Protein backbone atom coordinates (compact mmCIF):
# COMPACT_ATOMS: atom_id res chain seq x y z
CA MET A 1 -91.74 100.10 113.56
CA GLU A 2 -89.09 101.97 115.49
CA LYS A 3 -89.67 105.18 117.43
CA PHE A 4 -88.98 108.48 115.74
CA GLU A 5 -86.15 109.35 118.13
CA ASP A 6 -84.37 106.04 117.48
CA TRP A 7 -84.88 106.36 113.77
CA GLU A 8 -83.55 109.95 113.80
CA ARG A 9 -80.48 108.93 115.80
CA ASN A 10 -79.71 106.15 113.31
CA LEU A 11 -80.25 108.52 110.40
CA ASN A 12 -77.51 110.82 111.62
CA LYS A 13 -75.02 107.96 112.07
CA LYS A 14 -74.85 106.47 108.60
CA LYS A 15 -75.47 106.92 104.92
CA LEU A 16 -78.92 105.71 103.98
CA THR A 17 -79.50 102.77 101.70
CA ASP A 18 -82.12 102.98 98.97
CA PRO A 19 -84.70 101.03 101.02
CA GLU A 20 -84.07 103.32 103.99
CA VAL A 21 -84.64 106.40 101.81
CA ASP A 22 -87.89 104.83 100.57
CA GLU A 23 -88.94 104.23 104.17
CA LEU A 24 -88.08 107.82 105.07
CA ILE A 25 -90.24 109.14 102.25
CA LYS A 26 -93.08 106.83 103.30
CA MET A 27 -92.84 107.97 106.94
CA SER A 28 -93.02 111.60 105.83
CA GLU A 29 -96.07 110.90 103.67
CA VAL A 30 -97.84 109.12 106.51
CA THR A 31 -97.08 111.90 108.97
CA VAL A 32 -98.40 114.64 106.69
CA THR A 33 -101.43 112.58 105.64
CA PHE A 34 -102.31 112.13 109.31
CA VAL A 35 -102.43 115.91 109.71
CA LEU A 36 -104.56 116.30 106.59
CA HIS A 37 -107.18 113.92 107.99
CA ASP A 38 -107.21 115.39 111.49
CA GLU A 39 -110.36 117.46 111.83
CA ARG A 40 -108.86 119.35 114.78
CA LYS A 41 -106.24 120.99 112.56
CA THR A 42 -106.87 124.50 111.29
CA GLU A 43 -107.32 125.31 107.63
CA ASP A 44 -103.85 126.89 107.59
CA GLU A 45 -102.29 123.72 109.02
CA GLN A 46 -104.09 121.59 106.46
CA LYS A 47 -103.09 123.95 103.66
CA GLN A 48 -99.44 123.67 104.72
CA GLY A 49 -99.87 119.90 104.88
CA ARG A 50 -101.10 119.82 101.28
CA LYS A 51 -98.08 121.86 100.18
CA ASP A 52 -95.72 119.56 102.07
CA LEU A 53 -97.37 116.50 100.54
CA GLN A 54 -96.81 117.99 97.07
CA LEU A 55 -93.15 118.56 97.94
CA ILE A 56 -92.84 114.98 99.17
CA GLN A 57 -94.35 113.72 95.92
CA ILE A 58 -91.90 115.78 93.85
CA VAL A 59 -88.97 114.46 95.86
CA LYS A 60 -90.33 110.90 95.64
CA ASP A 61 -90.72 111.10 91.85
CA SER A 62 -87.24 112.56 91.45
CA TRP A 63 -85.78 109.90 93.73
CA LYS A 64 -87.38 107.13 91.67
CA ARG A 65 -85.76 108.60 88.53
CA ASN A 66 -82.39 108.43 90.34
CA SER A 67 -81.91 112.17 89.97
CA LEU A 68 -81.42 113.01 93.64
CA HIS A 69 -78.63 112.20 96.05
CA PRO A 70 -79.79 110.16 99.09
CA ASN A 71 -78.46 112.81 101.47
CA PHE A 72 -80.65 115.47 99.86
CA VAL A 73 -83.73 113.28 100.12
CA SER A 74 -82.97 112.43 103.73
CA GLN A 75 -82.51 116.08 104.71
CA VAL A 76 -85.78 117.20 103.08
CA MET A 77 -87.82 114.35 104.53
CA LYS A 78 -86.18 114.71 107.93
CA LEU A 79 -87.05 118.40 107.99
CA ILE A 80 -90.68 117.72 107.13
CA THR A 81 -91.05 114.83 109.55
CA GLU A 82 -89.35 116.68 112.42
CA THR A 83 -91.59 119.69 111.91
CA TYR A 84 -94.74 117.61 112.15
CA GLN A 85 -93.46 115.46 115.01
CA LYS A 86 -92.59 118.50 117.13
CA VAL A 87 -95.45 120.80 116.22
CA PHE A 88 -98.44 118.53 115.81
CA PHE A 89 -97.77 115.55 118.05
CA VAL A 90 -96.45 117.17 121.22
């Protein structure tokens, strides 16, 4: 698996393929799930994580129905993943 920084750099260079969008959604789910299972996180952080996981699921379901543009999906997932990478893993 590539590092987040490399992945982010590649994301900004090209249009994502369907498998890349699926991978992006999966990475976002894993990142948020990690926070939800981290006992050191506050209740507020875990509550936000549950909300973000719901948003990811909505985007994922819409993506599977082919009702979202790949750029929209990538921007939402990138925003979520960046937030957790910078706030919770630094």
